[in-house]
Amino acid sequence: MNRKFVATFLSLAVVCLGISGCGHDEPTSDGVFDTVSVTGTVGFFVAGGRCWCITTDDHTVFEVTNLPSAFQSEGLTVRARLQIRDDLASVCMLGPITKVVDIERAQ
């Protein structure tokens, strides 16, 4: 294997571990992760990985880790309640990592 490739891979791995930390962030004091309600447009990015996101009108991007397949359509406008997951890391680094709690097509 190419030494330059291995060195680059190891450097990226160290950076990713440094970003994500050694442990996991804890949920809020009531044991639940914060949630946000958003209306936005579904997008798909290949940015170090293959990631789905929802971008709001104010250009806030939420990376979604579990977007249901019925909503995996670029340009689709949705309303969603997203759980902010500070305990997860991503190679895409598009914005806050979230999990869908509820989602529906917006009119």
PDB file of N, CA and C in Angstrom:
ATOM      1  N   MET A   1       0.842  -1.172   0.000  1.00  0.00           N
ATOM      2  CA  MET A   1       0.000   0.000   0.000  1.00  0.00           C
ATOM      3  C   MET A   1       0.892   1.241   0.000  1.00  0.00           C
ATOM      4  N   ASN A   2       0.438   2.261  -0.620  1.00  0.00           N
ATOM      5  CA  ASN A   2       1.178   3.503  -0.759  1.00  0.00           C
ATOM      6  C   ASN A   2       1.379   4.159   0.611  1.00  0.00           C
ATOM      7  N   ARG A   3       2.622   4.466   0.946  1.00  0.00           N
ATOM      8  CA  ARG A   3       2.930   5.055   2.256  1.00  0.00           C
ATOM      9  C   ARG A   3       2.266   6.417   2.447  1.00  0.00           C
ATOM     10  N   LYS A   4       2.201   7.208   1.371  1.00  0.00           N
ATOM     11  CA  LYS A   4       1.570   8.519   1.471  1.00  0.00           C
ATOM     12  C   LYS A   4       0.082   8.364   1.804  1.00  0.00           C
ATOM     13  N   PHE A   5      -0.578   7.395   1.187  1.00  0.00           N
ATOM     14  CA  PHE A   5      -2.000   7.132   1.460  1.00  0.00           C
ATOM     15  C   PHE A   5      -2.194   6.733   2.920  1.00  0.00           C
ATOM     16  N   VAL A   6      -1.351   5.824   3.414  1.00  0.00           N
ATOM     17  CA  VAL A   6      -1.461   5.363   4.794  1.00  0.00           C
ATOM     18  C   VAL A   6      -1.226   6.525   5.760  1.00  0.00           C
ATOM     19  N   ALA A   7      -0.231   7.343   5.499  1.00  0.00           N
ATOM     20  CA  ALA A   7       0.061   8.483   6.364  1.00  0.00           C
ATOM     21  C   ALA A   7      -1.108   9.468   6.369  1.00  0.00           C
ATOM     22  N   THR A   8      -1.693   9.725   5.209  1.00  0.00           N
ATOM     23  CA  THR A   8      -2.844  10.625   5.118  1.00  0.00           C
ATOM     24  C   THR A   8      -4.024  10.051   5.875  1.00  0.00           C
ATOM     25  N   PHE A   9      -4.290   8.760   5.684  1.00  0.00           N
ATOM     26  CA  PHE A   9      -5.404   8.101   6.369  1.00  0.00           C
ATOM     27  C   PHE A   9      -5.239   8.180   7.879  1.00  0.00           C
ATOM     28  N   LEU A  10      -4.051   7.877   8.379  1.00  0.00           N
ATOM     29  CA  LEU A  10      -3.806   7.920   9.818  1.00  0.00           C
ATOM     30  C   LEU A  10      -3.938   9.340  10.364  1.00  0.00           C
ATOM     31  N   SER A  11      -3.467  10.320   9.620  1.00  0.00           N
ATOM     32  CA  SER A  11      -3.599  11.718  10.050  1.00  0.00           C
ATOM     33  C   SER A  11      -5.061  12.117  10.154  1.00  0.00           C
ATOM     34  N   LEU A  12      -5.862  11.733   9.159  1.00  0.00           N
ATOM     35  CA  LEU A  12      -7.294  12.037   9.196  1.00  0.00           C
ATOM     36  C   LEU A  12      -7.980  11.329  10.352  1.00  0.00           C
ATOM     37  N   ALA A  13      -7.581  10.101  10.624  1.00  0.00           N
ATOM     38  CA  ALA A  13      -8.171   9.350  11.732  1.00  0.00           C
ATOM     39  C   ALA A  13      -7.887  10.047  13.056  1.00  0.00           C
ATOM     40  N   VAL A  14      -6.667  10.532  13.233  1.00  0.00           N
ATOM     41  CA  VAL A  14      -6.301  11.231  14.465  1.00  0.00           C
ATOM     42  C   VAL A  14      -7.116  12.523  14.597  1.00  0.00           C
ATOM     43  N   VAL A  15      -7.272  13.261  13.504  1.00  0.00           N
ATOM     44  CA  VAL A  15      -8.064  14.492  13.536  1.00  0.00           C
ATOM     45  C   VAL A  15      -9.508  14.185  13.896  1.00  0.00           C
ATOM     46  N   CYS A  16     -10.094  13.161  13.272  1.00  0.00           N
ATOM     47  CA  CYS A  16     -11.484  12.788  13.561  1.00  0.00           C
ATOM     48  C   CYS A  16     -11.655  12.389  15.017  1.00  0.00           C
ATOM     49  N   LEU A  17     -10.719  11.639  15.549  1.00  0.00           N
ATOM     50  CA  LEU A  17     -10.805  11.258  16.958  1.00  0.00           C
ATOM     51  C   LEU A  17     -10.683  12.474  17.857  1.00  0.00           C
ATOM     52  N   GLY A  18      -9.847  13.404  17.477  1.00  0.00           N
ATOM     53  CA  GLY A  18      -9.700  14.625  18.261  1.00  0.00           C
ATOM     54  C   GLY A  18     -10.966  15.455  18.251  1.00  0.00           C
ATOM     55  N   ILE A  19     -11.638  15.513  17.109  1.00  0.00           N
ATOM     56  CA  ILE A  19     -12.887  16.268  17.014  1.00  0.00           C
ATOM     57  C   ILE A  19     -13.972  15.606  17.836  1.00  0.00           C
ATOM     58  N   SER A  20     -14.079  14.295  17.743  1.00  0.00           N
ATOM     59  CA  SER A  20     -15.174  13.600  18.415  1.00  0.00           C
ATOM     60  C   SER A  20     -14.904  13.399  19.904  1.00  0.00           C
ATOM     61  N   GLY A  21     -13.671  13.536  20.314  1.00  0.00           N
ATOM     62  CA  GLY A  21     -13.353  13.370  21.731  1.00  0.00           C
ATOM     63  C   GLY A  21     -13.214  11.912  22.102  1.00  0.00           C
ATOM     64  N   CYS A  22     -12.849  11.668  23.325  1.00  0.00           N
ATOM     65  CA  CYS A  22     -12.641  10.299  23.777  1.00  0.00           C
ATOM     66  C   CYS A  22     -13.916   9.657  24.292  1.00  0.00           C
ATOM     67  N   GLY A  23     -14.845  10.463  24.756  1.00  0.00           N
ATOM     68  CA  GLY A  23     -16.085   9.923  25.298  1.00  0.00           C
ATOM     69  C   GLY A  23     -17.265  10.476  24.544  1.00  0.00           C
ATOM     70  N   HIS A  24     -18.417  10.312  25.135  1.00  0.00           N
ATOM     71  CA  HIS A  24     -19.637  10.822  24.536  1.00  0.00           C
ATOM     72  C   HIS A  24     -20.170  11.949  25.385  1.00  0.00           C
ATOM     73  N   ASP A  25     -20.715  12.967  24.712  1.00  0.00           N
ATOM     74  CA  ASP A  25     -21.409  14.008  25.459  1.00  0.00           C
ATOM     75  C   ASP A  25     -22.650  13.385  26.074  1.00  0.00           C
ATOM     76  N   GLU A  26     -23.038  13.893  27.183  1.00  0.00           N
ATOM     77  CA  GLU A  26     -24.187  13.357  27.893  1.00  0.00           C
ATOM     78  C   GLU A  26     -25.457  14.078  27.468  1.00  0.00           C
ATOM     79  N   PRO A  27     -26.594  13.399  27.568  1.00  0.00           N
ATOM     80  CA  PRO A  27     -27.859  14.087  27.314  1.00  0.00           C
ATOM     81  C   PRO A  27     -28.083  15.174  28.362  1.00  0.00           C
ATOM     82  N   THR A  28     -29.105  15.991  28.153  1.00  0.00           N
ATOM     83  CA  THR A  28     -29.416  17.046  29.115  1.00  0.00           C
ATOM     84  C   THR A  28     -29.729  16.430  30.466  1.00  0.00           C
ATOM     85  N   SER A  29     -29.859  17.271  31.478  1.00  0.00           N
ATOM     86  CA  SER A  29     -30.035  16.790  32.850  1.00  0.00           C
ATOM     87  C   SER A  29     -31.263  15.895  33.011  1.00  0.00           C
ATOM     88  N   ASP A  30     -32.266  16.053  32.143  1.00  0.00           N
ATOM     89  CA  ASP A  30     -33.447  15.196  32.247  1.00  0.00           C
ATOM     90  C   ASP A  30     -33.284  13.887  31.480  1.00  0.00           C
ATOM     91  N   GLY A  31     -32.089  13.635  30.956  1.00  0.00           N
ATOM     92  CA  GLY A  31     -31.809  12.372  30.277  1.00  0.00           C
ATOM     93  C   GLY A  31     -32.223  12.335  28.822  1.00  0.00           C
ATOM     94  N   VAL A  32     -32.582  13.500  28.264  1.00  0.00           N
ATOM     95  CA  VAL A  32     -33.063  13.549  26.884  1.00  0.00           C
ATOM     96  C   VAL A  32     -32.185  14.516  26.090  1.00  0.00           C
ATOM     97  N   PHE A  33     -31.868  14.170  24.863  1.00  0.00           N
ATOM     98  CA  PHE A  33     -31.131  15.081  24.000  1.00  0.00           C
ATOM     99  C   PHE A  33     -32.065  16.201  23.544  1.00  0.00           C
ATOM    100  N   ASP A  34     -31.507  17.385  23.300  1.00  0.00           N
ATOM    101  CA  ASP A  34     -32.301  18.519  22.831  1.00  0.00           C
ATOM    102  C   ASP A  34     -32.910  18.215  21.474  1.00  0.00           C
ATOM    103  N   THR A  35     -34.105  18.773  21.220  1.00  0.00           N
ATOM    104  CA  THR A  35     -34.744  18.641  19.916  1.00  0.00           C
ATOM    105  C   THR A  35     -35.033  20.027  19.356  1.00  0.00           C
ATOM    106  N   VAL A  36     -35.092  20.114  18.037  1.00  0.00           N
ATOM    107  CA  VAL A  36     -35.462  21.345  17.349  1.00  0.00           C
ATOM    108  C   VAL A  36     -36.511  21.007  16.306  1.00  0.00           C
ATOM    109  N   SER A  37     -37.418  21.937  16.074  1.00  0.00           N
ATOM    110  CA  SER A  37     -38.401  21.795  15.003  1.00  0.00           C
ATOM    111  C   SER A  37     -37.961  22.692  13.860  1.00  0.00           C
ATOM    112  N   VAL A  38     -37.904  22.129  12.654  1.00  0.00           N
ATOM    113  CA  VAL A  38     -37.414  22.885  11.501  1.00  0.00           C
ATOM    114  C   VAL A  38     -38.323  22.651  10.303  1.00  0.00           C
ATOM    115  N   THR A  39     -38.314  23.619   9.410  1.00  0.00           N
ATOM    116  CA  THR A  39     -38.873  23.461   8.074  1.00  0.00           C
ATOM    117  C   THR A  39     -37.725  23.751   7.131  1.00  0.00           C
ATOM    118  N   GLY A  40     -37.487  22.855   6.186  1.00  0.00           N
ATOM    119  CA  GLY A  40     -36.354  23.055   5.300  1.00  0.00           C
ATOM    120  C   GLY A  40     -36.373  22.135   4.104  1.00  0.00           C
ATOM    121  N   THR A  41     -35.288  22.162   3.381  1.00  0.00           N
ATOM    122  CA  THR A  41     -35.152  21.421   2.131  1.00  0.00           C
ATOM    123  C   THR A  41     -34.139  20.295   2.310  1.00  0.00           C
ATOM    124  N   VAL A  42     -34.514  19.116   1.848  1.00  0.00           N
ATOM    125  CA  VAL A  42     -33.635  17.944   1.928  1.00  0.00           C
ATOM    126  C   VAL A  42     -32.532  18.067   0.877  1.00  0.00           C
ATOM    127  N   GLY A  43     -31.327  17.714   1.268  1.00  0.00           N
ATOM    128  CA  GLY A  43     -30.203  17.719   0.352  1.00  0.00           C
ATOM    129  C   GLY A  43     -29.318  16.505   0.583  1.00  0.00           C
ATOM    130  N   PHE A  44     -28.515  16.174  -0.417  1.00  0.00           N
ATOM    131  CA  PHE A  44     -27.577  15.061  -0.329  1.00  0.00           C
ATOM    132  C   PHE A  44     -26.209  15.577  -0.711  1.00  0.00           C
ATOM    133  N   PHE A  45     -25.209  15.280   0.113  1.00  0.00           N
ATOM    134  CA  PHE A  45     -23.857  15.757  -0.139  1.00  0.00           C
ATOM    135  C   PHE A  45     -22.871  14.606  -0.097  1.00  0.00           C
ATOM    136  N   VAL A  46     -21.883  14.698  -0.957  1.00  0.00           N
ATOM    137  CA  VAL A  46     -20.746  13.793  -0.901  1.00  0.00           C
ATOM    138  C   VAL A  46     -19.584  14.669  -0.457  1.00  0.00           C
ATOM    139  N   ALA A  47     -19.370  14.716   0.846  1.00  0.00           N
ATOM    140  CA  ALA A  47     -18.363  15.600   1.434  1.00  0.00           C
ATOM    141  C   ALA A  47     -17.543  14.780   2.420  1.00  0.00           C
ATOM    142  N   GLY A  48     -16.658  13.963   1.922  1.00  0.00           N
ATOM    143  CA  GLY A  48     -15.897  13.071   2.787  1.00  0.00           C
ATOM    144  C   GLY A  48     -16.685  11.810   3.097  1.00  0.00           C
ATOM    145  N   GLY A  49     -17.947  11.839   2.839  1.00  0.00           N
ATOM    146  CA  GLY A  49     -18.867  10.723   3.046  1.00  0.00           C
ATOM    147  C   GLY A  49     -20.132  11.030   2.271  1.00  0.00           C
ATOM    148  N   ARG A  50     -21.134  10.225   2.433  1.00  0.00           N
ATOM    149  CA  ARG A  50     -22.408  10.435   1.741  1.00  0.00           C
ATOM    150  C   ARG A  50     -23.442  10.762   2.812  1.00  0.00           C
ATOM    151  N   CYS A  51     -23.910  12.011   2.811  1.00  0.00           N
ATOM    152  CA  CYS A  51     -24.735  12.483   3.922  1.00  0.00           C
ATOM    153  C   CYS A  51     -25.991  13.200   3.462  1.00  0.00           C
ATOM    154  N   TRP A  52     -27.092  12.908   4.150  1.00  0.00           N
ATOM    155  CA  TRP A  52     -28.348  13.609   3.954  1.00  0.00           C
ATOM    156  C   TRP A  52     -28.420  14.747   4.952  1.00  0.00           C
ATOM    157  N   CYS A  53     -29.045  15.847   4.547  1.00  0.00           N
ATOM    158  CA  CYS A  53     -29.197  16.979   5.441  1.00  0.00           C
ATOM    159  C   CYS A  53     -30.519  17.684   5.170  1.00  0.00           C
ATOM    160  N   ILE A  54     -30.887  18.537   6.095  1.00  0.00           N
ATOM    161  CA  ILE A  54     -32.017  19.436   5.924  1.00  0.00           C
ATOM    162  C   ILE A  54     -31.476  20.839   6.126  1.00  0.00           C
ATOM    163  N   THR A  55     -31.700  21.712   5.121  1.00  0.00           N
ATOM    164  CA  THR A  55     -31.243  23.093   5.176  1.00  0.00           C
ATOM    165  C   THR A  55     -32.459  23.995   5.358  1.00  0.00           C
ATOM    166  N   THR A  56     -32.417  24.836   6.383  1.00  0.00           N
ATOM    167  CA  THR A  56     -33.539  25.729   6.671  1.00  0.00           C
ATOM    168  C   THR A  56     -33.436  26.999   5.822  1.00  0.00           C
ATOM    169  N   ASP A  57     -34.485  27.823   5.869  1.00  0.00           N
ATOM    170  CA  ASP A  57     -34.502  29.075   5.103  1.00  0.00           C
ATOM    171  C   ASP A  57     -33.393  30.032   5.530  1.00  0.00           C
ATOM    172  N   ASP A  58     -32.974  29.943   6.801  1.00  0.00           N
ATOM    173  CA  ASP A  58     -31.890  30.823   7.256  1.00  0.00           C
ATOM    174  C   ASP A  58     -30.517  30.191   7.032  1.00  0.00           C
ATOM    175  N   HIS A  59     -30.482  29.140   6.188  1.00  0.00           N
ATOM    176  CA  HIS A  59     -29.242  28.470   5.755  1.00  0.00           C
ATOM    177  C   HIS A  59     -28.567  27.651   6.844  1.00  0.00           C
ATOM    178  N   THR A  60     -29.300  27.290   7.893  1.00  0.00           N
ATOM    179  CA  THR A  60     -28.765  26.374   8.890  1.00  0.00           C
ATOM    180  C   THR A  60     -28.868  24.958   8.318  1.00  0.00           C
ATOM    181  N   VAL A  61     -27.772  24.220   8.390  1.00  0.00           N
ATOM    182  CA  VAL A  61     -27.729  22.860   7.845  1.00  0.00           C
ATOM    183  C   VAL A  61     -27.678  21.870   9.005  1.00  0.00           C
ATOM    184  N   PHE A  62     -28.612  20.926   8.992  1.00  0.00           N
ATOM    185  CA  PHE A  62     -28.643  19.856   9.984  1.00  0.00           C
ATOM    186  C   PHE A  62     -28.343  18.552   9.263  1.00  0.00           C
ATOM    187  N   GLU A  63     -27.274  17.883   9.666  1.00  0.00           N
ATOM    188  CA  GLU A  63     -26.956  16.575   9.089  1.00  0.00           C
ATOM    189  C   GLU A  63     -27.872  15.534   9.735  1.00  0.00           C
ATOM    190  N   VAL A  64     -28.552  14.747   8.904  1.00  0.00           N
ATOM    191  CA  VAL A  64     -29.542  13.783   9.397  1.00  0.00           C
ATOM    192  C   VAL A  64     -28.996  12.374   9.189  1.00  0.00           C
ATOM    193  N   THR A  65     -28.882  11.622  10.282  1.00  0.00           N
ATOM    194  CA  THR A  65     -28.292  10.282  10.188  1.00  0.00           C
ATOM    195  C   THR A  65     -29.293   9.195   9.852  1.00  0.00           C
ATOM    196  N   ASN A  66     -30.578   9.458  10.043  1.00  0.00           N
ATOM    197  CA  ASN A  66     -31.575   8.397   9.848  1.00  0.00           C
ATOM    198  C   ASN A  66     -32.768   8.876   9.018  1.00  0.00           C
ATOM    199  N   LEU A  67     -32.500   9.632   7.970  1.00  0.00           N
ATOM    200  CA  LEU A  67     -33.581  10.135   7.129  1.00  0.00           C
ATOM    201  C   LEU A  67     -34.304   8.953   6.475  1.00  0.00           C
ATOM    202  N   PRO A  68     -35.624   8.823   6.727  1.00  0.00           N
ATOM    203  CA  PRO A  68     -36.363   7.699   6.135  1.00  0.00           C
ATOM    204  C   PRO A  68     -36.271   7.731   4.602  1.00  0.00           C
ATOM    205  N   SER A  69     -36.227   6.567   3.993  1.00  0.00           N
ATOM    206  CA  SER A  69     -36.051   6.483   2.538  1.00  0.00           C
ATOM    207  C   SER A  69     -37.146   7.225   1.772  1.00  0.00           C
ATOM    208  N   ALA A  70     -38.349   7.304   2.327  1.00  0.00           N
ATOM    209  CA  ALA A  70     -39.448   8.009   1.654  1.00  0.00           C
ATOM    210  C   ALA A  70     -39.168   9.511   1.536  1.00  0.00           C
ATOM    211  N   PHE A  71     -38.201  10.024   2.317  1.00  0.00           N
ATOM    212  CA  PHE A  71     -37.878  11.442   2.300  1.00  0.00           C
ATOM    213  C   PHE A  71     -36.504  11.715   1.687  1.00  0.00           C
ATOM    214  N   GLN A  72     -35.857  10.699   1.165  1.00  0.00           N
ATOM    215  CA  GLN A  72     -34.531  10.859   0.568  1.00  0.00           C
ATOM    216  C   GLN A  72     -34.666  11.314  -0.881  1.00  0.00           C
ATOM    217  N   SER A  73     -35.071  12.565  -1.029  1.00  0.00           N
ATOM    218  CA  SER A  73     -35.283  13.166  -2.338  1.00  0.00           C
ATOM    219  C   SER A  73     -34.794  14.604  -2.291  1.00  0.00           C
ATOM    220  N   GLU A  74     -33.707  14.905  -3.006  1.00  0.00           N
ATOM    221  CA  GLU A  74     -33.146  16.251  -2.987  1.00  0.00           C
ATOM    222  C   GLU A  74     -34.193  17.266  -3.421  1.00  0.00           C
ATOM    223  N   GLY A  75     -34.253  18.364  -2.676  1.00  0.00           N
ATOM    224  CA  GLY A  75     -35.166  19.437  -3.000  1.00  0.00           C
ATOM    225  C   GLY A  75     -36.533  19.311  -2.342  1.00  0.00           C
ATOM    226  N   LEU A  76     -36.801  18.198  -1.685  1.00  0.00           N
ATOM    227  CA  LEU A  76     -38.074  17.984  -1.002  1.00  0.00           C
ATOM    228  C   LEU A  76     -38.160  18.911   0.205  1.00  0.00           C
ATOM    229  N   THR A  77     -39.273  19.610   0.350  1.00  0.00           N
ATOM    230  CA  THR A  77     -39.477  20.482   1.503  1.00  0.00           C
ATOM    231  C   THR A  77     -40.182  19.689   2.589  1.00  0.00           C
ATOM    232  N   VAL A  78     -39.620  19.742   3.800  1.00  0.00           N
ATOM    233  CA  VAL A  78     -40.147  18.948   4.912  1.00  0.00           C
ATOM    234  C   VAL A  78     -40.268  19.799   6.169  1.00  0.00           C
ATOM    235  N   ARG A  79     -41.115  19.321   7.083  1.00  0.00           N
ATOM    236  CA  ARG A  79     -41.165  19.805   8.455  1.00  0.00           C
ATOM    237  C   ARG A  79     -40.715  18.634   9.305  1.00  0.00           C
ATOM    238  N   ALA A  80     -39.800  18.900  10.233  1.00  0.00           N
ATOM    239  CA  ALA A  80     -39.257  17.795  11.019  1.00  0.00           C
ATOM    240  C   ALA A  80     -38.942  18.246  12.436  1.00  0.00           C
ATOM    241  N   ARG A  81     -39.006  17.286  13.326  1.00  0.00           N
ATOM    242  CA  ARG A  81     -38.483  17.474  14.686  1.00  0.00           C
ATOM    243  C   ARG A  81     -37.228  16.621  14.738  1.00  0.00           C
ATOM    244  N   LEU A  82     -36.118  17.270  15.039  1.00  0.00           N
ATOM    245  CA  LEU A  82     -34.812  16.618  15.010  1.00  0.00           C
ATOM    246  C   LEU A  82     -34.206  16.595  16.402  1.00  0.00           C
ATOM    247  N   GLN A  83     -33.588  15.485  16.726  1.00  0.00           N
ATOM    248  CA  GLN A  83     -32.879  15.332  17.995  1.00  0.00           C
ATOM    249  C   GLN A  83     -31.408  15.647  17.745  1.00  0.00           C
ATOM    250  N   ILE A  84     -30.886  16.646  18.444  1.00  0.00           N
ATOM    251  CA  ILE A  84     -29.477  17.034  18.301  1.00  0.00           C
ATOM    252  C   ILE A  84     -28.626  15.989  19.013  1.00  0.00           C
ATOM    253  N   ARG A  85     -27.701  15.387  18.288  1.00  0.00           N
ATOM    254  CA  ARG A  85     -26.869  14.329  18.857  1.00  0.00           C
ATOM    255  C   ARG A  85     -25.424  14.794  18.969  1.00  0.00           C
ATOM    256  N   ASP A  86     -25.122  15.419  20.102  1.00  0.00           N
ATOM    257  CA  ASP A  86     -23.764  15.885  20.366  1.00  0.00           C
ATOM    258  C   ASP A  86     -22.804  14.740  20.673  1.00  0.00           C
ATOM    259  N   ASP A  87     -23.343  13.528  20.810  1.00  0.00           N
ATOM    260  CA  ASP A  87     -22.505  12.376  21.129  1.00  0.00           C
ATOM    261  C   ASP A  87     -22.011  11.646  19.887  1.00  0.00           C
ATOM    262  N   LEU A  88     -22.354  12.152  18.699  1.00  0.00           N
ATOM    263  CA  LEU A  88     -21.962  11.494  17.454  1.00  0.00           C
ATOM    264  C   LEU A  88     -20.997  12.371  16.668  1.00  0.00           C
ATOM    265  N   ALA A  89     -20.194  11.742  15.836  1.00  0.00           N
ATOM    266  CA  ALA A  89     -19.271  12.453  14.951  1.00  0.00           C
ATOM    267  C   ALA A  89     -19.543  12.018  13.518  1.00  0.00           C
ATOM    268  N   SER A  90     -19.091  12.824  12.569  1.00  0.00           N
ATOM    269  CA  SER A  90     -19.339  12.535  11.165  1.00  0.00           C
ATOM    270  C   SER A  90     -18.166  12.997  10.310  1.00  0.00           C
ATOM    271  N   VAL A  91     -17.958  12.318   9.223  1.00  0.00           N
ATOM    272  CA  VAL A  91     -16.927  12.750   8.286  1.00  0.00           C
ATOM    273  C   VAL A  91     -17.440  13.867   7.390  1.00  0.00           C
ATOM    274  N   CYS A  92     -18.742  14.015   7.276  1.00  0.00           N
ATOM    275  CA  CYS A  92     -19.304  15.046   6.393  1.00  0.00           C
ATOM    276  C   CYS A  92     -19.171  16.450   6.971  1.00  0.00           C
ATOM    277  N   MET A  93     -19.333  16.590   8.277  1.00  0.00           N
ATOM    278  CA  MET A  93     -19.189  17.871   8.968  1.00  0.00           C
ATOM    279  C   MET A  93     -20.003  18.977   8.301  1.00  0.00           C
ATOM    280  N   LEU A  94     -21.290  18.694   8.034  1.00  0.00           N
ATOM    281  CA  LEU A  94     -22.161  19.673   7.393  1.00  0.00           C
ATOM    282  C   LEU A  94     -22.784  20.637   8.395  1.00  0.00           C
ATOM    283  N   GLY A  95     -23.018  20.175   9.594  1.00  0.00           N
ATOM    284  CA  GLY A  95     -23.679  20.960  10.623  1.00  0.00           C
ATOM    285  C   GLY A  95     -23.974  20.045  11.790  1.00  0.00           C
ATOM    286  N   PRO A  96     -24.842  20.485  12.713  1.00  0.00           N
ATOM    287  CA  PRO A  96     -25.168  19.617  13.840  1.00  0.00           C
ATOM    288  C   PRO A  96     -25.699  18.262  13.360  1.00  0.00           C
ATOM    289  N   ILE A  97     -25.229  17.198  13.998  1.00  0.00           N
ATOM    290  CA  ILE A  97     -25.690  15.858  13.647  1.00  0.00           C
ATOM    291  C   ILE A  97     -27.006  15.618  14.369  1.00  0.00           C
ATOM    292  N   THR A  98     -27.986  15.135  13.627  1.00  0.00           N
ATOM    293  CA  THR A  98     -29.315  14.953  14.188  1.00  0.00           C
ATOM    294  C   THR A  98     -29.901  13.608  13.793  1.00  0.00           C
ATOM    295  N   LYS A  99     -30.921  13.207  14.548  1.00  0.00           N
ATOM    296  CA  LYS A  99     -31.743  12.050  14.210  1.00  0.00           C
ATOM    297  C   LYS A  99     -33.174  12.532  14.094  1.00  0.00           C
ATOM    298  N   VAL A 100     -33.889  12.022  13.112  1.00  0.00           N
ATOM    299  CA  VAL A 100     -35.279  12.397  12.910  1.00  0.00           C
ATOM    300  C   VAL A 100     -36.139  11.784  13.998  1.00  0.00           C
ATOM    301  N   VAL A 101     -36.944  12.632  14.656  1.00  0.00           N
ATOM    302  CA  VAL A 101     -37.932  12.161  15.626  1.00  0.00           C
ATOM    303  C   VAL A 101     -39.278  12.040  14.909  1.00  0.00           C
ATOM    304  N   ASP A 102     -39.668  13.095  14.198  1.00  0.00           N
ATOM    305  CA  ASP A 102     -40.875  13.142  13.375  1.00  0.00           C
ATOM    306  C   ASP A 102     -40.552  13.890  12.100  1.00  0.00           C
ATOM    307  N   ILE A 103     -41.189  13.487  10.996  1.00  0.00           N
ATOM    308  CA  ILE A 103     -40.971  14.202   9.733  1.00  0.00           C
ATOM    309  C   ILE A 103     -42.220  14.069   8.868  1.00  0.00           C
ATOM    310  N   GLU A 104     -42.491  15.142   8.101  1.00  0.00           N
ATOM    311  CA  GLU A 104     -43.610  15.114   7.151  1.00  0.00           C
ATOM    312  C   GLU A 104     -43.283  16.060   6.001  1.00  0.00           C
ATOM    313  N   ARG A 105     -43.937  15.811   4.883  1.00  0.00           N
ATOM    314  CA  ARG A 105     -43.782  16.718   3.745  1.00  0.00           C
ATOM    315  C   ARG A 105     -44.451  18.045   4.078  1.00  0.00           C
ATOM    316  N   ALA A 106     -43.781  19.138   3.716  1.00  0.00           N
ATOM    317  CA  ALA A 106     -44.365  20.465   3.940  1.00  0.00           C
ATOM    318  C   ALA A 106     -45.190  20.845   2.700  1.00  0.00           C
ATOM    319  N   GLN A 107     -46.225  21.588   2.924  1.00  0.00           N
ATOM    320  CA  GLN A 107     -47.100  22.027   1.814  1.00  0.00           C
ATOM    321  C   GLN A 107     -46.508  23.201   1.101  1.00  0.00           C
TER     322      GLN A 107
END
